Protein backbone atom coordinates (compact mmCIF):
# COMPACT_ATOMS: atom_id res chain seq x y z
CA MET A 1 -169.83 177.54 18.62
CA ILE A 2 -171.33 175.56 21.52
CA ILE A 3 -174.37 178.21 22.20
CA LYS A 4 -176.65 177.84 19.32
CA ASN A 5 -178.49 181.14 19.72
CA LYS A 6 -175.34 183.35 20.73
CA GLU A 7 -176.21 186.23 18.44
CA GLU A 8 -179.88 186.47 19.90
CA LEU A 9 -178.57 186.68 23.32
CA LEU A 10 -176.35 189.41 22.24
CA SER A 11 -178.77 191.35 20.57
CA HIS A 12 -180.05 193.27 23.54
CA GLY A 13 -179.52 194.03 27.17
CA ASN A 14 -175.90 194.60 28.63
CA ARG A 15 -174.30 193.23 25.42
CA ASP A 16 -170.67 193.76 26.73
CA GLY A 17 -171.45 191.79 29.97
CA ARG A 18 -173.55 188.97 28.16
CA LYS A 19 -170.62 188.42 25.58
CA ILE A 20 -167.96 188.00 28.50
CA ALA A 21 -170.34 185.59 30.26
CA LEU A 22 -171.08 183.60 27.12
CA ASN A 23 -167.63 183.50 26.01
CA ILE A 24 -166.60 181.97 29.30
CA ILE A 25 -169.10 179.36 29.45
CA GLU A 26 -168.25 178.06 26.00
CA TYR A 27 -164.54 177.82 26.95
CA ALA A 28 -165.88 175.73 30.16
CA LEU A 29 -167.62 173.51 28.41
CA LYS A 30 -164.92 172.80 25.71
CA THR A 31 -162.36 172.20 28.58
CA ILE A 32 -164.70 169.40 29.89
CA ASP A 33 -165.41 167.61 26.40
CA PRO A 34 -165.39 163.88 27.54
CA TYR A 35 -164.16 162.74 23.96
CA GLU A 36 -161.27 164.95 24.21
CA THR A 37 -160.24 163.80 27.62
CA VAL A 38 -160.61 160.18 26.80
CA ARG A 39 -158.25 160.74 23.52
CA LYS A 40 -155.65 161.97 26.01
CA THR A 41 -156.17 159.41 28.59
CA VAL A 42 -156.56 156.28 26.72
CA LEU A 43 -153.78 155.46 24.30
CA PHE A 44 -153.59 152.32 22.06
CA GLY A 45 -150.73 151.15 19.74
CA ASN A 46 -147.91 148.53 19.16
CA LYS A 47 -146.83 149.28 22.51
CA GLY A 48 -149.81 148.13 24.04
CA LEU A 49 -152.66 149.89 25.86
CA ILE A 50 -152.21 152.92 28.11
CA VAL A 51 -155.01 154.34 30.33
CA GLY A 52 -153.84 156.93 32.52
CA HIS A 53 -151.18 155.46 34.76
CA LEU A 54 -152.32 151.67 33.88
CA LYS A 55 -150.31 149.87 31.25
CA TYR A 56 -151.45 146.69 29.69
CA ASN A 57 -149.69 143.98 27.41
CA LEU A 58 -152.27 143.35 24.52
CA SER A 59 -151.44 139.73 24.52
CA GLU A 60 -152.56 139.46 27.92
CA ILE A 61 -155.96 140.99 27.22
CA ARG A 62 -158.85 138.48 26.05
CA ASN A 63 -161.48 140.61 25.59
CA ILE A 64 -162.56 144.26 25.78
CA TYR A 65 -166.12 145.30 26.82
CA VAL A 66 -167.91 148.87 27.17
CA VAL A 67 -170.76 149.49 29.35
CA GLY A 68 -172.24 152.65 30.92
CA ALA A 69 -175.07 154.94 31.39
CA GLY A 70 -175.61 158.75 31.75
CA LYS A 71 -176.09 162.02 29.95
CA GLY A 72 -173.25 162.55 27.61
CA THR A 73 -171.91 159.04 28.08
CA LEU A 74 -171.97 158.61 24.06
CA ARG A 75 -169.05 160.84 23.67
CA ILE A 76 -166.95 158.61 26.06
CA ALA A 77 -168.10 155.32 24.32
CA GLU A 78 -167.48 157.38 21.06
CA ALA A 79 -163.81 158.04 21.86
CA LEU A 80 -163.23 154.46 23.14
CA GLU A 81 -164.51 153.00 19.87
CA ASP A 82 -162.46 155.57 17.62
CA ILE A 83 -159.39 154.46 19.82
CA LEU A 84 -159.94 150.65 20.34
CA GLY A 85 -161.93 149.90 17.41
CA SER A 86 -162.56 146.04 16.54
CA ARG A 87 -160.55 145.19 19.89
CA ILE A 88 -163.98 146.03 21.56
CA LYS A 89 -166.09 142.68 21.55
CA ARG A 90 -169.27 143.93 22.92
CA GLY A 91 -170.60 147.13 24.41
CA ILE A 92 -173.88 148.97 25.48
CA ILE A 93 -174.56 152.43 26.93
CA ILE A 94 -177.58 154.07 28.07
CA GLU A 95 -178.18 157.67 27.17
CA LYS A 96 -180.93 160.19 27.65
CA ARG A 97 -183.62 160.31 24.71
CA ILE A 98 -182.42 163.32 22.78
CA GLN A 99 -179.21 161.94 21.08
CA GLY A 100 -180.80 159.86 18.02
CA ARG A 101 -177.12 158.67 17.38
CA LYS A 102 -175.62 155.36 17.01
CA LEU A 103 -172.06 153.66 17.14
CA LYS A 104 -170.49 150.77 15.13
CA THR A 105 -169.72 148.21 18.00
CA ILE A 106 -171.00 149.82 20.97
CA ARG A 107 -175.11 149.71 21.28
CA VAL A 108 -176.65 152.92 22.09
CA VAL A 109 -179.93 152.62 24.01
CA GLU A 110 -181.95 155.79 24.82
CA GLY A 111 -183.77 155.66 28.22
CA GLY A 112 -185.89 157.93 30.24
CA HIS A 113 -184.50 160.74 32.36
CA PRO A 114 -185.14 162.10 35.09
CA ILE A 115 -187.85 159.38 35.53
CA PRO A 116 -186.62 155.91 34.53
CA ASP A 117 -188.48 154.08 31.74
CA GLU A 118 -188.59 150.29 30.57
CA VAL A 119 -186.09 150.89 27.92
CA GLY A 120 -183.58 151.90 30.42
CA GLU A 121 -184.41 148.89 32.60
CA GLU A 122 -183.88 146.52 29.50
CA GLY A 123 -180.57 148.31 28.98
CA ALA A 124 -179.53 147.86 32.45
CA LYS A 125 -180.27 144.18 32.20
CA GLU A 126 -177.88 143.67 29.08
CA VAL A 127 -175.35 145.66 31.23
CA VAL A 128 -175.49 142.69 33.80
CA GLU A 129 -175.47 140.23 31.04
CA ILE A 130 -172.33 141.60 29.74
CA ALA A 131 -170.67 141.92 33.17
CA LYS A 132 -171.62 138.29 33.93
CA SER A 133 -170.14 137.22 30.61
CA ALA A 134 -166.51 139.11 31.43
CA GLN A 135 -164.00 136.42 32.70
CA LYS A 136 -160.44 136.47 34.21
CA GLY A 137 -158.19 138.43 31.59
CA ASP A 138 -161.00 140.46 30.09
CA LEU A 139 -161.09 144.45 30.69
CA VAL A 140 -164.31 146.06 31.03
CA PHE A 141 -164.71 149.79 30.68
CA ILE A 142 -167.39 151.40 32.79
CA CYS A 143 -168.40 154.98 31.40
CA ILE A 144 -170.32 156.80 34.19
CA MET A 145 -171.78 160.25 33.81
CA GLY A 146 -174.91 162.41 35.72
CA GLY A 147 -178.12 160.87 35.14
CA SER A 148 -177.00 157.36 35.09
CA SER A 149 -179.14 156.30 38.19
CA ALA A 150 -182.30 157.30 36.25
CA LEU A 151 -181.07 155.94 32.99
CA MET A 152 -179.91 152.46 34.19
CA PRO A 153 -182.66 151.54 36.48
CA LEU A 154 -182.55 147.89 37.88
CA PRO A 155 -184.91 147.81 40.92
CA VAL A 156 -183.94 144.89 43.55
CA LYS A 157 -186.35 141.94 43.54
CA GLY A 158 -189.74 142.86 44.91
CA ILE A 159 -189.77 146.54 43.80
CA SER A 160 -191.20 147.02 40.43
CA LEU A 161 -189.89 149.75 38.06
CA GLY A 162 -193.40 151.56 38.52
CA ASP A 163 -192.32 151.64 42.20
CA LYS A 164 -189.15 153.09 41.26
CA LYS A 165 -190.49 155.74 39.31
CA ARG A 166 -192.97 156.82 42.04
CA VAL A 167 -190.05 157.18 44.50
CA THR A 168 -187.84 159.07 41.88
CA ASP A 169 -190.71 161.54 41.21
CA LEU A 170 -191.38 162.13 44.87
CA LEU A 171 -187.48 162.94 45.67
CA LEU A 172 -187.22 165.12 42.46
CA LYS A 173 -190.42 167.33 43.51
CA CYS A 174 -189.54 167.50 47.52
CA GLY A 175 -186.17 169.56 47.20
CA ALA A 176 -183.92 166.80 47.93
CA THR A 177 -180.44 167.16 47.12
CA ILE A 178 -178.60 164.97 44.55
CA GLU A 179 -176.47 163.08 47.22
CA GLU A 180 -179.79 162.44 48.95
CA ILE A 181 -181.61 161.30 45.91
CA ASN A 182 -179.03 158.85 45.19
CA ALA A 183 -178.73 157.47 48.68
CA VAL A 184 -182.50 156.17 48.42
CA ARG A 185 -182.01 154.95 44.69
CA LYS A 186 -178.74 153.07 45.37
CA HIS A 187 -180.48 151.37 48.20
CA ILE A 188 -183.28 149.91 46.08
CA SER A 189 -181.17 148.96 43.05
CA ALA A 190 -179.75 145.70 42.06
CA ILE A 191 -176.63 147.15 40.45
CA LYS A 192 -175.80 150.35 42.05
CA GLY A 193 -173.77 151.06 45.18
CA GLY A 194 -170.93 148.99 43.86
CA ARG A 195 -173.00 145.97 43.19
CA LEU A 196 -172.07 145.73 39.53
CA ALA A 197 -168.51 145.04 40.36
CA ARG A 198 -169.29 141.67 42.00
CA TYR A 199 -171.07 140.53 38.49
CA ILE A 200 -167.84 141.62 36.65
CA HIS A 201 -165.29 139.97 38.85
CA PRO A 202 -162.67 138.49 38.11
CA ALA A 203 -162.24 140.68 35.23
CA GLU A 204 -160.66 143.81 35.52
CA VAL A 205 -162.57 147.16 35.60
CA ILE A 206 -161.59 150.68 34.50
CA ASN A 207 -164.09 153.33 35.49
CA LEU A 208 -164.16 156.45 33.23
CA ILE A 209 -165.94 158.97 35.29
CA VAL A 210 -167.42 162.37 34.67
CA ILE A 211 -168.55 163.69 38.12
CA ASP A 212 -171.89 165.75 38.68
CA GLU A 213 -172.11 165.32 42.43
CA VAL A 214 -171.36 167.82 44.97
CA ALA A 215 -169.13 165.74 47.02
CA GLY A 216 -166.99 165.29 43.99
CA LEU A 217 -165.97 161.76 44.92
CA PRO A 218 -165.65 158.79 42.41
CA TRP A 219 -168.91 157.14 41.95
CA GLY A 220 -171.05 154.56 40.01
CA PRO A 221 -172.29 151.10 39.95
CA THR A 222 -168.72 149.63 40.55
CA VAL A 223 -167.55 152.13 43.05
CA PRO A 224 -167.71 151.86 46.87
CA ASP A 225 -170.76 153.47 48.25
CA THR A 226 -170.27 155.89 51.23
CA THR A 227 -174.16 155.76 52.16
CA THR A 228 -176.29 153.29 54.20
CA PHE A 229 -179.87 151.83 54.55
CA LYS A 230 -180.04 154.25 57.46
CA ASP A 231 -179.03 157.24 55.27
CA ALA A 232 -181.66 156.14 52.94
CA VAL A 233 -184.51 155.95 55.37
CA HIS A 234 -183.42 159.30 57.05
CA VAL A 235 -183.86 161.23 53.69
CA LEU A 236 -187.18 159.85 53.24
CA LYS A 237 -188.43 160.77 56.62
CA LYS A 238 -186.65 164.20 56.48
CA HIS A 239 -188.72 165.19 53.28
CA ASN A 240 -192.01 163.60 54.65
CA LEU A 241 -191.98 161.01 52.15
CA TRP A 242 -191.83 157.85 54.32
CA GLU A 243 -195.44 157.19 54.45
CA LYS A 244 -195.75 158.34 50.72
CA VAL A 245 -193.37 155.84 49.08
CA PRO A 246 -194.74 152.35 47.91
CA ASP A 247 -195.06 149.63 50.43
CA SER A 248 -192.36 147.48 48.73
CA VAL A 249 -189.85 150.26 49.22
CA ARG A 250 -190.19 150.71 52.81
CA LYS A 251 -190.42 147.02 53.25
CA HIS A 252 -187.03 146.57 51.54
CA LEU A 253 -185.34 149.49 53.44
CA LYS A 254 -186.45 148.09 56.64
CA ARG A 255 -184.87 144.64 55.90
CA GLY A 256 -181.92 146.46 54.90
CA LEU A 257 -181.70 148.09 58.14
CA ALA A 258 -182.13 144.63 60.08
CA ASP A 259 -179.77 142.47 57.41
CA PRO A 260 -176.16 143.93 56.78
CA SER A 261 -175.99 141.31 53.88
CA LEU A 262 -178.24 143.75 51.91
CA GLU A 263 -175.97 146.63 52.33
CA THR A 264 -174.30 148.43 49.41
CA LEU A 265 -170.59 147.73 48.92
CA LYS A 266 -168.23 149.45 51.00
CA PRO A 267 -164.20 150.04 50.47
CA GLU A 268 -163.49 146.74 52.25
CA ASP A 269 -165.88 145.13 50.09
CA PHE A 270 -163.55 145.93 47.16
CA GLU A 271 -160.51 143.80 48.50
CA GLY A 272 -159.53 141.48 45.90
CA LEU A 273 -161.55 143.06 43.05
CA LYS A 274 -159.69 144.91 40.09
CA VAL A 275 -161.27 148.25 40.02
CA HIS A 276 -159.43 151.39 38.87
CA ASN A 277 -161.06 154.87 39.11
CA LEU A 278 -160.16 157.66 36.54
CA VAL A 279 -161.98 160.95 36.63
CA LEU A 280 -161.98 162.68 33.28
CA ALA A 281 -164.01 165.67 34.44
CA ASN A 282 -165.72 167.34 37.13
CA ASN A 283 -167.27 170.74 38.44
CA HIS A 284 -164.06 171.59 39.79
CA ILE A 285 -162.29 171.37 36.39
CA ALA A 286 -164.95 173.35 35.01
CA CYS A 287 -164.84 176.43 37.30
CA GLU A 288 -161.11 176.59 36.88
CA ALA A 289 -161.84 176.75 33.14
CA ALA A 290 -164.06 179.59 33.57
CA LYS A 291 -161.58 181.18 35.77
CA LYS A 292 -158.63 180.97 33.38
CA LYS A 293 -160.98 182.30 30.62
CA ALA A 294 -162.45 185.42 32.55
CA GLU A 295 -158.57 186.36 33.49
CA GLU A 296 -157.61 186.02 29.99
CA LEU A 297 -160.45 188.35 29.13
CA GLY A 298 -159.04 191.05 31.72
CA PHE A 299 -161.31 190.44 34.58
CA SER A 300 -160.49 189.53 38.01
CA ALA A 301 -162.09 186.18 38.97
CA ILE A 302 -162.85 183.84 41.90
CA ILE A 303 -164.42 180.67 42.35
CA LEU A 304 -166.85 181.18 45.31
CA SER A 305 -167.89 177.68 45.43
CA THR A 306 -168.00 174.10 43.82
CA VAL A 307 -170.41 172.76 46.29
CA LEU A 308 -173.48 175.25 45.61
CA GLU A 309 -176.81 174.18 47.05
CA GLY A 310 -179.79 175.63 48.22
CA GLU A 311 -183.42 176.47 46.86
CA SER A 312 -182.78 177.92 43.27
CA ARG A 313 -184.71 181.34 43.95
CA GLU A 314 -183.13 182.21 47.19
CA VAL A 315 -179.55 181.52 45.64
CA GLY A 316 -180.17 183.50 42.91
CA ILE A 317 -181.26 186.62 45.17
CA VAL A 318 -178.16 186.01 47.33
CA LEU A 319 -176.07 186.29 44.30
CA ALA A 320 -177.56 189.34 42.90
CA CYS A 321 -177.07 191.06 46.40
CA ILE A 322 -173.27 190.21 46.15
CA ALA A 323 -172.99 191.52 42.92
CA LYS A 324 -174.58 194.74 44.03
CA GLU A 325 -172.13 195.03 46.47
CA ILE A 326 -169.36 194.65 44.33
CA GLU A 327 -170.97 197.31 41.87
CA GLY A 328 -171.82 199.78 44.69
CA ARG A 329 -168.83 199.12 47.14
CA ASN A 330 -166.00 197.19 45.25
CA ARG A 331 -166.28 194.29 47.84
CA PRO A 332 -165.47 191.42 47.72
CA LEU A 333 -163.94 192.24 44.54
CA LYS A 334 -163.29 195.58 42.41
CA PRO A 335 -164.93 195.65 39.04
CA PRO A 336 -164.43 194.45 36.40
CA CYS A 337 -164.93 190.86 37.82
CA VAL A 338 -166.54 187.65 37.60
CA LEU A 339 -167.74 185.37 40.21
CA ILE A 340 -167.74 181.53 39.48
CA LEU A 341 -169.92 178.93 41.29
CA GLY A 342 -170.58 175.39 40.58
CA GLY A 343 -172.86 172.93 42.01
CA GLU A 344 -176.51 171.99 41.88
CA THR A 345 -179.39 174.18 43.40
CA THR A 346 -182.85 172.61 43.90
CA VAL A 347 -186.45 173.43 43.29
CA THR A 348 -189.22 172.31 45.41
CA ILE A 349 -192.23 171.87 43.14
CA VAL A 350 -195.72 172.78 44.12
CA GLU A 351 -198.88 171.57 42.35
CA GLY A 352 -199.82 173.36 38.98
CA ALA A 353 -196.18 174.12 38.21
CA GLY A 354 -195.23 175.47 34.89
CA GLU A 355 -192.15 174.61 32.87
CA GLY A 356 -188.62 175.49 34.07
CA GLY A 357 -185.33 174.31 35.62
CA ARG A 358 -183.29 174.98 38.68
CA ASN A 359 -180.92 177.39 36.49
CA GLN A 360 -183.52 179.26 34.85
CA GLU A 361 -185.07 179.82 38.23
CA LEU A 362 -181.84 180.82 39.88
CA ALA A 363 -181.09 183.60 37.03
CA LEU A 364 -184.67 184.66 37.05
CA ALA A 365 -184.93 185.23 40.62
CA SER A 366 -181.48 187.16 40.45
CA SER A 367 -183.26 189.69 38.04
CA LEU A 368 -185.29 190.96 40.48
CA LYS A 369 -182.51 192.55 42.51
CA ILE A 370 -180.42 193.82 39.87
CA ASP A 371 -183.14 195.83 38.17
CA GLY A 372 -181.68 199.16 36.62
CA SER A 373 -177.77 197.95 36.57
CA LYS A 374 -175.86 198.68 33.67
CA ASN A 375 -172.94 196.47 34.79
CA ILE A 376 -174.31 193.32 36.34
CA VAL A 377 -174.90 190.07 34.35
CA ILE A 378 -175.90 186.71 35.93
CA THR A 379 -176.28 183.36 33.97
CA SER A 380 -176.52 179.88 35.36
CA ILE A 381 -176.73 176.74 32.95
CA GLY A 382 -176.73 172.93 33.22
CA THR A 383 -173.51 171.74 31.53
CA ASP A 384 -175.29 168.71 30.07
CA GLY A 385 -177.36 171.33 27.73
CA THR A 386 -180.54 170.76 29.58
CA ASP A 387 -182.20 172.15 32.59
CA GLY A 388 -184.90 170.38 34.49
CA PRO A 389 -187.39 168.55 31.93
CA THR A 390 -186.63 171.23 29.32
CA ASP A 391 -184.43 171.43 26.19
CA ILE A 392 -183.10 174.75 27.45
CA ALA A 393 -179.62 174.71 29.07
CA GLY A 394 -179.96 177.87 31.34
CA GLY A 395 -180.79 181.49 31.43
CA ILE A 396 -179.08 184.96 31.39
CA VAL A 397 -180.19 188.16 32.88
CA ASP A 398 -179.11 191.81 33.56
CA GLY A 399 -180.48 195.07 34.77
CA TYR A 400 -182.70 195.48 31.74
CA THR A 401 -184.47 192.15 32.21
CA LEU A 402 -187.26 193.39 34.56
CA SER A 403 -188.07 196.21 32.40
CA ARG A 404 -188.35 194.14 29.28
CA THR A 405 -190.77 191.64 31.22
CA ARG A 406 -192.89 194.98 32.10
CA GLU A 407 -192.97 196.00 28.54
CA LYS A 408 -194.07 192.63 27.30
CA GLY A 409 -196.64 192.21 30.05
CA ILE A 410 -195.08 189.50 31.98
CA ASP A 411 -195.78 189.02 35.69
CA ILE A 412 -192.43 187.72 36.85
CA PHE A 413 -193.28 187.28 40.19
CA ARG A 414 -196.45 184.77 39.44
CA ASN A 415 -193.90 183.14 36.92
CA LEU A 416 -191.60 182.18 39.70
CA ILE A 417 -194.15 181.13 41.88
CA LYS A 418 -195.44 178.87 39.56
CA HIS A 419 -191.84 177.59 38.47
CA ASN A 420 -192.48 178.74 35.11
CA SER A 421 -189.26 180.29 34.05
CA SER A 422 -189.00 178.91 30.80
CA TYR A 423 -192.03 180.76 29.36
CA VAL A 424 -190.21 184.07 30.56
CA PHE A 425 -186.81 183.27 29.08
CA ARG A 426 -188.40 181.93 25.73
CA THR A 427 -190.43 185.11 25.59
CA LEU A 428 -187.48 187.47 26.30
CA LYS A 429 -185.14 185.47 23.87
CA ASP A 430 -182.88 185.10 27.10
CA ALA A 431 -183.17 181.27 27.14
CA ILE A 432 -179.60 179.61 26.43
CA PHE A 433 -179.65 176.68 23.83
CA THR A 434 -176.37 174.32 23.25
CA GLY A 435 -178.09 171.27 22.74
CA PRO A 436 -176.38 168.08 24.27
CA THR A 437 -173.21 169.07 25.21
CA GLY A 438 -171.97 165.56 25.63
CA THR A 439 -170.92 166.26 29.22
CA ASN A 440 -172.41 166.50 32.31
CA VAL A 441 -170.59 168.06 35.63
CA MET A 442 -173.56 169.73 37.25
CA ASP A 443 -174.23 173.54 36.84
CA LEU A 444 -172.17 176.42 36.05
CA THR A 445 -173.16 180.16 37.43
CA LEU A 446 -171.49 183.26 36.52
CA VAL A 447 -171.90 186.75 37.86
CA VAL A 448 -170.31 189.22 35.76
CA VAL A 449 -169.67 192.83 36.98
CA THR A 450 -168.28 195.11 34.41
CA ALA A 451 -166.73 198.62 35.22
């Protein structure tokens, strides 16, 4: 059972609707388990090594290396180690500091997330060391998941880790999208934006990627970058951060605008480099799995979006209003039905904020508009098992939520304003706990309307 406190979540409120929602979540998370997808993708035996559509003669492979970073990368590395065993010469992955697990050959480093730290920086330096040691005839597996930008920080010369921490903190609190945040981070990094691929050349690269960006395109330190220095500067100015970031960051971005040689690698820069991209899982796959399970349970289901964005509270209210339209007027679907959404909303943080995350805030805000309903359940989770800086995956609400907050003397409006959603969900026993799921494909939001 993936959801650790499932019985508690089903002990109150709209039990039938909650059961449907939680069963769908568990099925979707099982479908995108990286360990299982790697075992299906990478085949190793007497006939050689098969990775997706790629085939290798073992006698022609000198050394195999494994490097990577991201929340859940451990599952990819674990599968590779189980498959390849002693054929892996050396490896390192950088995970979020909640795993506490080790592997036999591949070193596991636990770095800081979402704010980078010194441990992650040292791990990134070791990644570069391994990359530089790779030679022609070697094969380098790159394991990449969401969170790698923070977990594998290696700022360009002239920018300190402290400066990068400051930039990351500002971007996370201003309401910027993940694409905007990464546009900046890639342009102050020594290895991101495709740059790591140059260190690895002339060895061959196989990227095993679990995608957590709204754009849904292969990404990572050995993948071409679609953004530019101009984009990075635009993001900082758009969110009124240009004058707030450290001087070193402004100076580097200005140099990048004037000097094309400093730009991240584009598709044309990869000519002559042996780089293969294999997408193991993404938000689209998770949403399709949720749809399949909902239909198996006898519900009509549609995927409204896999590119959901916006301020979490506002998105929650909109989804609640759609749910009420379904409940009252049978449109756009007739109950019983499930609306499925993937993507990543944002929370614009103010001073004095409490504990919470975008999924909890979305769900809590939606409860304001479904008060009294006996048919609507809304839930939202981070597929990695954490939401914001908390150990909570997300939250679940129904038509009884608001009345229960009143009974417990909780001021739901004040807690929303203070971004203190975790307090509400912990008190109501409606916080969803999964622990680390081993995957990360952004968020999964469900609107369940029973008949």
